Amino acid sequence: MDKMWSGRFSASASSLLDQFNASIMFDRKLYREDIEGSLAHATMLAKQGILTAEELKDIVNGLNQVMNEIESGEFEWKISDEDLHMGIEKRLTALIGDAGKKLHTARSRNDQVAVDFRRYVLRKNREIVEALKELMGVILDLASKHTETLMPGMTHLQHAQPINFGFHMCAYLSMFKRDIERFESSYERNNISPLGCAALAGTPHNIDRSMSAEILGFSGVSTNCLDTVSDRDFALEILFNISTMMMHISRLSEELVMWSSYEFKFVELSDEYSTGSSIMPQKKNPDVPELLRGKTGRVYGSLMGLLTVMKALPLAYNKDTQEDKEGVFDAVETAEISLEILKEAIKTMQVKEQNMLSACKVGHLSATDLADYLVEKCGIPFREAHFITGKAVAKSEELKIDLSDIELTYLQAIDARIKEDVIPYLSIRNSMNARKSSGGTATVRTQEQIEFFQNFLKA
């Protein structure tokens, strides 16, 4: 009968229950948050006269010793202790005696775990934001070098219009900027303290929740204790934010896989971030972006798992929420290594500018420009201009050339209103730079976008 809660029980828990019920082998990851929470709680209890100064001193010294034992590897984690809270409290009591038993006054494991887990998630929010900013910095450097590097822009995975490679990378910068904003918004919304809510209804002890919240770096205290001890929105939010971020990473990864193939050959991943085949000596496989695509599904699973756990829980705390942590821990670790390895893979890859330019000569990328010419210079209605341009594309196909290389005589045979001033409209580079509306691909607009993202990262 060594359980802290065993007073009303006449028989010991079975070893099978210990194994099934325990979370200590994974929630021990929260040891630092737990000890810091206990230090703040003890400091507040002493200030309110619930602990004596001597008891506070013993608790602080004891908790610091427990922290040292954990970090040195000396601490013994026991499944019989159920969770890290009970394991740490039991060790503290063994070290300092009755003062350790007083630490749990005016709190429950319900608000204790809510504090620990919330602070872990808030910390990881900030760390992921910093990692995202580092990734954005690498992509920004790449984009800055390629504001004039032509490549085919695509819709439906078909060649559509010419763009520059820097503009393409700015699209991903836009995605990652939104990711950062989601993490930051989630941090601000969830930076409130559950400590002092106790089991579900608060406590009769004369505590100061604002004091412990301030010590722990929270911006304030929660409003309703019944909601607070069972709330896992903060965990769902980080899972959703990571899932959305990983979806963006997966989209970029898919393009890296395609671009590094012989069919595209737009980029070459460095040997450091590629692998070979066990049977085909010539192979250089893009395993990094492929794994990033795959790990996206893993993170989605964690999000769906916690949503399913939470969907039918009555108020307030239920043991089901013990299933909240492993998925979050896994998703966070996946996010951290994914951001780091994607950053390094992009930093070390080569961009094949000539291959991109050659690809721009396939697919008649200046077709829309010919239609624009017919509208602007010849006064032809767009629908008719669209039809005439289609005829010009068909003729180019017949001649086995790109529309950008078609001779004036062929165009005039299709429609006599076409004059020599059409030639600049057919230039792939001119076509790219003609798209100079706000947010467009023209080099000058791409440079503006790069400056925008640079300022965002400096803010």
Protein backbone atom coordinates (compact mmCIF):
# COMPACT_ATOMS: atom_id res chain seq x y z
CA MET A 1 0.00 0.00 0.00
CA ASP A 2 2.59 2.55 -1.11
CA LYS A 3 0.26 4.73 -3.18
CA MET A 4 -0.15 8.32 -1.98
CA TRP A 5 -3.89 7.91 -2.48
CA SER A 6 -4.28 4.45 -0.91
CA GLY A 7 -5.99 5.54 2.32
CA ARG A 8 -9.48 4.35 1.38
CA PHE A 9 -8.29 1.10 -0.22
CA SER A 10 -7.89 -2.23 1.56
CA ALA A 11 -5.95 -4.04 -1.17
CA SER A 12 -2.91 -3.09 -3.22
CA ALA A 13 -3.23 -2.33 -6.90
CA SER A 14 -2.37 -5.24 -9.16
CA SER A 15 0.85 -5.12 -11.11
CA LEU A 16 -1.24 -5.25 -14.29
CA LEU A 17 -3.12 -2.12 -13.22
CA ASP A 18 0.20 -0.42 -12.43
CA GLN A 19 1.42 -1.18 -15.94
CA PHE A 20 -1.83 -0.10 -17.61
CA ASN A 21 -2.43 2.98 -15.47
CA ALA A 22 1.07 4.44 -15.34
CA SER A 23 2.24 7.39 -17.42
CA ILE A 24 5.55 7.93 -15.65
CA MET A 25 7.66 6.37 -18.41
CA PHE A 26 6.62 9.10 -20.85
CA ASP A 27 5.35 12.05 -18.79
CA ARG A 28 8.72 12.21 -17.00
CA LYS A 29 9.70 14.36 -19.99
CA LEU A 30 7.87 17.13 -18.08
CA TYR A 31 10.09 16.88 -14.97
CA ARG A 32 11.50 20.40 -15.31
CA GLU A 33 8.07 21.96 -15.72
CA ASP A 34 6.78 19.92 -12.79
CA ILE A 35 9.57 20.94 -10.42
CA GLU A 36 9.38 24.59 -11.48
CA GLY A 37 5.61 24.49 -10.91
CA SER A 38 6.15 23.03 -7.45
CA LEU A 39 8.72 25.69 -6.58
CA ALA A 40 6.29 28.43 -7.60
CA HIS A 41 3.46 26.79 -5.68
CA ALA A 42 5.58 26.41 -2.54
CA THR A 43 6.75 30.03 -2.76
CA MET A 44 3.15 31.18 -2.97
CA LEU A 45 2.05 28.93 -0.07
CA ALA A 46 4.81 30.40 2.12
CA LYS A 47 3.87 33.95 1.22
CA GLN A 48 0.26 33.16 2.17
CA GLY A 49 1.37 31.69 5.52
CA ILE A 50 0.36 28.13 4.59
CA LEU A 51 3.99 26.98 4.75
CA THR A 52 6.62 28.24 7.17
CA ALA A 53 9.85 29.79 5.95
CA GLU A 54 11.74 26.72 7.18
CA GLU A 55 9.38 24.36 5.32
CA LEU A 56 9.80 26.40 2.16
CA LYS A 57 13.59 26.24 2.48
CA ASP A 58 13.47 22.45 2.88
CA ILE A 59 11.13 22.06 -0.11
CA VAL A 60 13.27 24.28 -2.35
CA ASN A 61 16.48 22.45 -1.39
CA GLY A 62 14.78 19.09 -1.79
CA LEU A 63 13.31 19.88 -5.20
CA ASN A 64 16.67 21.17 -6.42
CA GLN A 65 18.26 17.91 -5.29
CA VAL A 66 15.58 15.92 -7.13
CA MET A 67 16.24 18.02 -10.25
CA ASN A 68 19.96 17.25 -10.00
CA GLU A 69 19.30 13.55 -9.52
CA ILE A 70 17.04 13.45 -12.59
CA GLU A 71 19.49 15.32 -14.80
CA SER A 72 22.44 13.24 -13.64
CA GLY A 73 20.55 10.00 -14.29
CA GLU A 74 20.52 8.94 -10.63
CA PHE A 75 16.76 9.28 -10.17
CA GLU A 76 14.86 5.98 -10.22
CA TRP A 77 11.61 6.14 -12.17
CA LYS A 78 9.17 3.48 -10.92
CA ILE A 79 6.00 2.37 -12.67
CA SER A 80 4.45 1.87 -9.24
CA ASP A 81 4.62 5.66 -8.75
CA GLU A 82 2.11 6.08 -11.63
CA ASP A 83 3.22 9.48 -12.87
CA LEU A 84 6.08 11.94 -12.53
CA HIS A 85 4.17 14.05 -9.99
CA MET A 86 3.93 11.17 -7.53
CA GLY A 87 7.46 9.99 -8.27
CA ILE A 88 8.95 13.41 -7.58
CA GLU A 89 6.80 14.03 -4.49
CA LYS A 90 7.67 10.63 -3.04
CA ARG A 91 11.39 11.26 -3.52
CA LEU A 92 11.05 14.77 -2.07
CA THR A 93 9.31 13.39 1.02
CA ALA A 94 12.01 10.77 1.44
CA LEU A 95 14.61 13.55 1.37
CA ILE A 96 12.99 16.17 3.63
CA GLY A 97 10.27 14.41 5.59
CA ASP A 98 6.89 15.90 6.49
CA ALA A 99 7.53 19.22 4.73
CA GLY A 100 7.40 17.30 1.46
CA LYS A 101 3.91 16.07 2.33
CA LYS A 102 2.72 19.67 2.70
CA LEU A 103 3.71 20.69 -0.83
CA HIS A 104 0.51 19.32 -2.33
CA THR A 105 -1.68 21.59 -0.18
CA ALA A 106 -4.21 23.55 -2.30
CA ARG A 107 -3.54 21.71 -5.52
CA SER A 108 -4.42 18.47 -7.29
CA ARG A 109 -2.66 16.36 -9.84
CA ASN A 110 -5.36 17.71 -12.16
CA ASP A 111 -4.14 21.31 -12.10
CA GLN A 112 -0.55 20.16 -11.63
CA VAL A 113 -0.47 18.20 -14.90
CA ALA A 114 -2.37 20.99 -16.65
CA VAL A 115 0.39 23.42 -15.59
CA ASP A 116 3.22 21.11 -16.63
CA PHE A 117 1.79 20.15 -19.99
CA ARG A 118 0.65 23.68 -20.84
CA ARG A 119 4.08 25.13 -20.06
CA TYR A 120 5.76 22.44 -22.18
CA VAL A 121 3.47 23.24 -25.11
CA LEU A 122 4.00 26.98 -24.72
CA ARG A 123 7.77 26.50 -24.67
CA LYS A 124 7.64 24.35 -27.77
CA ASN A 125 5.46 26.93 -29.52
CA ARG A 126 8.26 29.46 -29.13
CA GLU A 127 11.03 27.03 -30.10
CA ILE A 128 9.20 25.95 -33.26
CA VAL A 129 8.69 29.60 -34.20
CA GLU A 130 12.45 30.17 -33.94
CA ALA A 131 13.14 27.08 -36.05
CA LEU A 132 10.63 28.28 -38.65
CA LYS A 133 12.37 31.65 -38.78
CA GLU A 134 15.70 29.92 -39.39
CA LEU A 135 14.16 27.92 -42.24
CA MET A 136 12.63 31.08 -43.69
CA GLY A 137 16.04 32.76 -43.54
CA VAL A 138 17.60 30.00 -45.63
CA ILE A 139 14.76 30.12 -48.17
CA LEU A 140 15.05 33.92 -48.28
CA ASP A 141 18.75 33.68 -49.12
CA LEU A 142 17.91 31.24 -51.91
CA ALA A 143 15.09 33.38 -53.26
CA SER A 144 17.29 36.50 -53.24
CA LYS A 145 19.78 34.82 -55.58
CA HIS A 146 17.15 33.77 -58.10
CA THR A 147 14.83 36.69 -58.77
CA GLU A 148 15.77 36.48 -62.47
CA THR A 149 16.09 32.69 -62.76
CA LEU A 150 13.32 31.66 -65.15
CA MET A 151 11.27 28.53 -64.54
CA PRO A 152 7.88 27.29 -65.72
CA GLY A 153 5.05 28.16 -63.37
CA MET A 154 2.46 25.39 -63.33
CA THR A 155 -1.21 24.75 -62.79
CA HIS A 156 -2.56 21.17 -62.89
CA LEU A 157 1.14 20.23 -63.04
CA GLN A 158 1.15 21.56 -66.61
CA HIS A 159 3.35 24.40 -67.87
CA ALA A 160 1.35 27.59 -67.51
CA GLN A 161 3.27 30.86 -67.38
CA PRO A 162 6.93 31.80 -66.84
CA ILE A 163 7.90 32.84 -63.35
CA ASN A 164 11.20 33.27 -61.53
CA PHE A 165 12.49 30.75 -59.01
CA GLY A 166 12.71 33.37 -56.27
CA PHE A 167 8.99 34.09 -56.72
CA HIS A 168 8.23 30.39 -56.40
CA MET A 169 10.15 30.18 -53.13
CA CYS A 170 8.36 33.28 -51.84
CA ALA A 171 5.14 31.26 -52.05
CA TYR A 172 6.55 28.92 -49.41
CA LEU A 173 7.75 31.88 -47.35
CA SER A 174 4.13 33.04 -47.31
CA MET A 175 3.04 29.66 -45.98
CA PHE A 176 5.68 29.54 -43.26
CA LYS A 177 4.87 33.12 -42.23
CA ARG A 178 1.26 32.06 -41.62
CA ASP A 179 2.54 29.09 -39.63
CA ILE A 180 4.54 31.42 -37.39
CA GLU A 181 1.50 33.63 -36.88
CA ARG A 182 -0.60 30.61 -35.88
CA PHE A 183 1.96 29.46 -33.29
CA GLU A 184 2.29 32.99 -31.91
CA SER A 185 -1.46 33.47 -31.70
CA SER A 186 -1.84 30.13 -29.94
CA TYR A 187 0.87 31.10 -27.46
CA GLU A 188 -0.88 34.34 -26.53
CA ARG A 189 -4.28 32.69 -26.20
CA ASN A 190 -3.11 29.81 -24.03
CA ASN A 191 -0.58 31.55 -21.78
CA ILE A 192 -2.79 31.34 -18.67
CA SER A 193 -2.18 29.47 -15.44
CA PRO A 194 -4.27 26.49 -14.28
CA LEU A 195 -2.44 26.33 -10.94
CA GLY A 196 -4.81 26.71 -8.01
CA CYS A 197 -7.79 25.18 -9.75
CA ALA A 198 -7.12 22.01 -7.74
CA ALA A 199 -9.29 19.04 -8.72
CA LEU A 200 -12.00 21.02 -10.51
CA ALA A 201 -13.61 23.63 -8.25
CA GLY A 202 -10.80 25.65 -6.74
CA THR A 203 -9.64 25.40 -3.13
CA PRO A 204 -10.76 26.75 0.27
CA HIS A 205 -7.16 27.63 1.12
CA ASN A 206 -6.19 31.29 0.99
CA ILE A 207 -3.98 31.09 -2.09
CA ASP A 208 -2.77 33.72 -4.55
CA ARG A 209 -3.13 32.30 -8.06
CA SER A 210 -1.80 35.47 -9.67
CA MET A 211 1.44 35.22 -7.75
CA SER A 212 2.22 31.66 -8.85
CA ALA A 213 1.16 32.55 -12.39
CA GLU A 214 3.60 35.44 -12.47
CA ILE A 215 6.45 33.31 -11.12
CA LEU A 216 5.85 30.77 -13.89
CA GLY A 217 5.68 33.38 -16.64
CA PHE A 218 1.98 33.12 -17.39
CA SER A 219 0.18 36.29 -18.45
CA GLY A 220 -2.70 35.60 -16.08
CA VAL A 221 -4.90 32.94 -14.50
CA SER A 222 -7.71 30.91 -16.04
CA THR A 223 -11.30 32.03 -15.56
CA ASN A 224 -13.17 28.82 -14.81
CA CYS A 225 -11.57 25.95 -12.88
CA LEU A 226 -14.02 23.33 -14.14
CA ASP A 227 -12.97 24.01 -17.72
CA THR A 228 -9.31 24.52 -16.91
CA VAL A 229 -8.44 21.10 -15.49
CA SER A 230 -10.01 19.30 -18.47
CA ASP A 231 -9.00 21.75 -21.21
CA ARG A 232 -6.62 20.37 -23.81
CA ASP A 233 -7.29 22.94 -26.53
CA PHE A 234 -3.71 24.15 -26.18
CA ALA A 235 -2.47 20.64 -27.04
CA LEU A 236 -4.89 20.34 -29.94
CA GLU A 237 -3.77 23.73 -31.22
CA ILE A 238 -0.10 22.84 -31.30
CA LEU A 239 -0.98 19.58 -33.06
CA PHE A 240 -3.07 21.45 -35.62
CA ASN A 241 -0.38 24.09 -36.09
CA ILE A 242 2.30 21.43 -36.54
CA SER A 243 0.03 19.51 -38.91
CA THR A 244 -0.53 22.60 -41.06
CA MET A 245 3.17 23.41 -41.01
CA MET A 246 4.02 19.83 -41.99
CA MET A 247 1.48 20.02 -44.83
CA HIS A 248 3.40 23.03 -46.14
CA ILE A 249 6.70 21.18 -45.67
CA SER A 250 5.21 18.20 -47.49
CA ARG A 251 4.18 20.34 -50.47
CA LEU A 252 7.70 21.74 -50.75
CA SER A 253 9.11 18.25 -50.29
CA GLU A 254 6.99 16.92 -53.14
CA GLU A 255 8.43 19.57 -55.42
CA LEU A 256 11.97 18.79 -54.28
CA VAL A 257 11.34 15.13 -55.13
CA MET A 258 10.08 16.06 -58.59
CA TRP A 259 12.69 18.74 -59.23
CA SER A 260 15.54 16.38 -58.35
CA SER A 261 14.36 13.70 -60.79
CA TYR A 262 15.90 13.25 -64.25
CA GLU A 263 12.57 14.32 -65.76
CA PHE A 264 12.98 17.79 -64.22
CA LYS A 265 16.59 18.13 -63.04
CA PHE A 266 15.83 21.60 -61.66
CA VAL A 267 17.79 20.98 -58.44
CA GLU A 268 20.32 18.53 -57.10
CA LEU A 269 20.26 17.60 -53.45
CA SER A 270 23.67 17.34 -51.81
CA ASP A 271 25.20 13.93 -51.13
CA GLU A 272 24.92 14.72 -47.40
CA TYR A 273 21.13 14.65 -47.63
CA SER A 274 20.62 11.89 -50.18
CA THR A 275 20.87 8.11 -50.06
CA GLY A 276 21.71 5.32 -52.48
CA SER A 277 20.21 2.02 -53.53
CA SER A 278 21.25 -1.37 -52.16
CA ILE A 279 21.12 -2.87 -55.67
CA MET A 280 21.34 -0.02 -58.21
CA PRO A 281 24.71 1.76 -57.93
CA GLN A 282 23.65 4.73 -60.05
CA LYS A 283 20.80 5.81 -57.76
CA LYS A 284 20.71 9.02 -55.73
CA ASN A 285 17.45 9.00 -53.81
CA PRO A 286 15.73 12.08 -52.31
CA ASP A 287 15.00 10.32 -49.04
CA VAL A 288 14.89 13.52 -46.96
CA PRO A 289 11.91 15.11 -48.74
CA GLU A 290 10.25 11.71 -49.09
CA LEU A 291 10.50 11.11 -45.35
CA LEU A 292 9.18 14.60 -44.70
CA ARG A 293 6.11 13.76 -46.79
CA GLY A 294 5.66 10.55 -44.83
CA LYS A 295 6.09 12.11 -41.41
CA THR A 296 3.30 14.54 -42.23
CA GLY A 297 0.84 11.65 -42.01
CA ARG A 298 2.32 10.66 -38.66
CA VAL A 299 1.58 14.12 -37.25
CA TYR A 300 -1.95 14.09 -38.68
CA GLY A 301 -2.50 10.84 -36.79
CA SER A 302 -1.55 12.48 -33.50
CA LEU A 303 -4.02 15.31 -34.12
CA MET A 304 -6.85 12.94 -34.99
CA GLY A 305 -5.98 10.75 -32.01
CA LEU A 306 -6.34 13.56 -29.47
CA LEU A 307 -9.46 14.94 -31.13
CA THR A 308 -10.99 11.49 -30.77
CA VAL A 309 -9.94 11.22 -27.11
CA MET A 310 -11.51 14.59 -26.29
CA LYS A 311 -14.70 14.40 -28.34
CA ALA A 312 -17.03 12.90 -25.70
CA LEU A 313 -15.44 13.63 -22.34
CA PRO A 314 -17.77 14.95 -19.65
CA LEU A 315 -16.47 17.65 -17.33
CA ALA A 316 -14.12 17.74 -15.62
CA TYR A 317 -10.88 15.72 -15.60
CA ASN A 318 -11.00 12.14 -16.87
CA LYS A 319 -8.20 9.59 -17.05
CA ASP A 320 -8.67 9.52 -20.83
CA THR A 321 -6.61 12.70 -21.04
CA GLN A 322 -3.54 10.74 -19.99
CA GLU A 323 -3.52 9.89 -23.72
CA ASP A 324 -2.87 13.55 -24.57
CA LYS A 325 0.90 13.64 -24.21
CA GLU A 326 2.61 10.95 -26.27
CA GLY A 327 1.12 12.22 -29.54
CA VAL A 328 2.15 15.78 -28.73
CA PHE A 329 5.67 14.73 -27.73
CA ASP A 330 6.03 12.75 -30.95
CA ALA A 331 4.62 15.54 -33.13
CA VAL A 332 6.90 18.14 -31.53
CA GLU A 333 9.99 15.97 -32.00
CA THR A 334 8.95 15.27 -35.60
CA ALA A 335 8.48 19.00 -36.23
CA GLU A 336 11.84 19.90 -34.73
CA ILE A 337 13.93 17.45 -36.75
CA SER A 338 11.87 18.12 -39.90
CA LEU A 339 12.53 21.85 -39.76
CA GLU A 340 16.22 21.32 -39.09
CA ILE A 341 16.86 18.79 -41.85
CA LEU A 342 14.76 20.67 -44.43
CA LYS A 343 16.76 23.81 -43.67
CA GLU A 344 20.05 21.99 -44.22
CA ALA A 345 18.83 20.18 -47.36
CA ILE A 346 17.79 23.49 -48.95
CA LYS A 347 20.95 25.26 -47.84
CA THR A 348 23.15 22.64 -49.52
CA MET A 349 21.20 21.92 -52.73
CA GLN A 350 22.19 23.20 -56.18
CA VAL A 351 19.77 25.04 -58.45
CA LYS A 352 20.10 24.08 -62.13
CA GLU A 353 19.27 27.41 -63.76
CA GLN A 354 19.87 26.31 -67.36
CA ASN A 355 17.58 23.31 -66.99
CA MET A 356 14.83 25.55 -65.65
CA LEU A 357 15.30 27.91 -68.59
CA SER A 358 15.15 25.04 -71.07
CA ALA A 359 11.92 23.86 -69.48
CA CYS A 360 10.44 27.31 -70.10
CA LYS A 361 10.76 26.58 -73.81
CA VAL A 362 8.30 23.71 -73.49
CA GLY A 363 4.59 24.27 -73.20
CA HIS A 364 4.14 27.66 -74.92
CA LEU A 365 4.38 29.72 -71.73
CA SER A 366 3.92 33.02 -73.54
CA ALA A 367 0.51 32.06 -74.96
CA THR A 368 -1.35 34.30 -72.51
CA ASP A 369 0.96 37.16 -73.52
CA LEU A 370 -0.03 36.73 -77.17
CA ALA A 371 -3.67 36.89 -76.15
CA ASP A 372 -2.94 40.03 -74.09
CA TYR A 373 -1.21 41.56 -77.11
CA LEU A 374 -4.25 40.92 -79.30
CA VAL A 375 -6.48 42.61 -76.73
CA GLU A 376 -4.20 45.57 -75.95
CA LYS A 377 -2.68 46.32 -79.35
CA CYS A 378 -5.32 45.08 -81.77
CA GLY A 379 -8.51 45.81 -79.84
CA ILE A 380 -9.71 42.22 -80.21
CA PRO A 381 -12.17 40.90 -77.58
CA PHE A 382 -10.47 38.48 -75.21
CA ARG A 383 -12.55 35.45 -76.19
CA GLU A 384 -11.61 35.95 -79.84
CA ALA A 385 -7.99 36.59 -78.84
CA HIS A 386 -8.05 33.34 -76.88
CA PHE A 387 -9.22 31.47 -80.01
CA ILE A 388 -6.56 33.08 -82.23
CA THR A 389 -3.85 32.27 -79.72
CA GLY A 390 -5.05 28.67 -79.65
CA LYS A 391 -4.54 28.55 -83.41
CA ALA A 392 -1.00 29.91 -82.98
CA VAL A 393 -0.24 27.26 -80.36
CA ALA A 394 -1.56 24.55 -82.70
CA LYS A 395 0.68 25.87 -85.49
CA SER A 396 3.69 25.84 -83.14
CA GLU A 397 2.90 22.25 -82.24
CA GLU A 398 2.76 21.40 -85.94
CA LEU A 399 6.14 23.07 -86.48
CA LYS A 400 7.52 21.33 -83.37
CA ILE A 401 8.67 24.61 -81.84
CA ASP A 402 7.72 26.67 -78.82
CA LEU A 403 5.36 29.60 -79.35
CA SER A 404 8.11 31.94 -78.19
CA ASP A 405 10.14 30.96 -81.27
CA ILE A 406 7.41 31.15 -83.93
CA GLU A 407 8.09 33.44 -86.87
CA LEU A 408 5.94 36.51 -87.53
CA THR A 409 4.82 35.24 -90.93
CA TYR A 410 3.05 32.24 -89.37
CA LEU A 411 1.23 34.49 -86.90
CA GLN A 412 0.14 36.91 -89.61
CA ALA A 413 -1.15 34.00 -91.67
CA ILE A 414 -3.42 33.18 -88.73
CA ASP A 415 -4.55 36.80 -88.27
CA ALA A 416 -3.39 39.75 -90.38
CA ARG A 417 -3.91 42.20 -87.50
CA ILE A 418 -0.79 40.87 -85.80
CA LYS A 419 2.17 43.21 -86.37
CA GLU A 420 5.91 43.12 -85.75
CA ASP A 421 5.46 44.67 -82.31
CA VAL A 422 4.18 41.27 -81.12
CA ILE A 423 7.74 39.90 -80.86
CA PRO A 424 8.53 41.30 -77.36
CA TYR A 425 5.27 39.77 -76.08
CA LEU A 426 6.51 36.31 -77.04
CA SER A 427 9.75 36.59 -75.02
CA ILE A 428 9.74 34.29 -72.01
CA ARG A 429 11.67 36.80 -69.88
CA ASN A 430 9.47 39.70 -70.95
CA SER A 431 6.45 37.57 -70.14
CA MET A 432 7.73 36.98 -66.61
CA ASN A 433 8.54 40.64 -66.03
CA ALA A 434 5.24 41.79 -67.54
CA ARG A 435 3.43 40.36 -64.53
CA LYS A 436 4.24 43.32 -62.32
CA SER A 437 0.94 43.76 -60.51
CA SER A 438 1.20 43.66 -56.72
CA GLY A 439 2.21 40.17 -55.64
CA GLY A 440 3.21 39.20 -59.18
CA THR A 441 6.24 37.34 -60.46
CA ALA A 442 8.10 40.24 -62.11
CA THR A 443 11.61 40.50 -60.72
CA VAL A 444 10.88 43.90 -59.21
CA ARG A 445 7.81 42.51 -57.43
CA THR A 446 9.69 39.43 -56.25
CA GLN A 447 12.34 41.68 -54.76
CA GLU A 448 9.59 43.60 -52.93
CA GLN A 449 8.26 40.32 -51.52
CA ILE A 450 11.74 39.34 -50.37
CA GLU A 451 12.11 42.68 -48.59
CA PHE A 452 8.71 42.14 -46.97
CA PHE A 453 9.76 38.77 -45.56
CA GLN A 454 13.12 40.15 -44.45
CA ASN A 455 11.31 42.84 -42.47
CA PHE A 456 8.96 40.23 -41.02
CA LEU A 457 11.89 38.21 -39.69
CA LYS A 458 13.53 41.33 -38.22
CA ALA A 459 10.37 42.41 -36.36
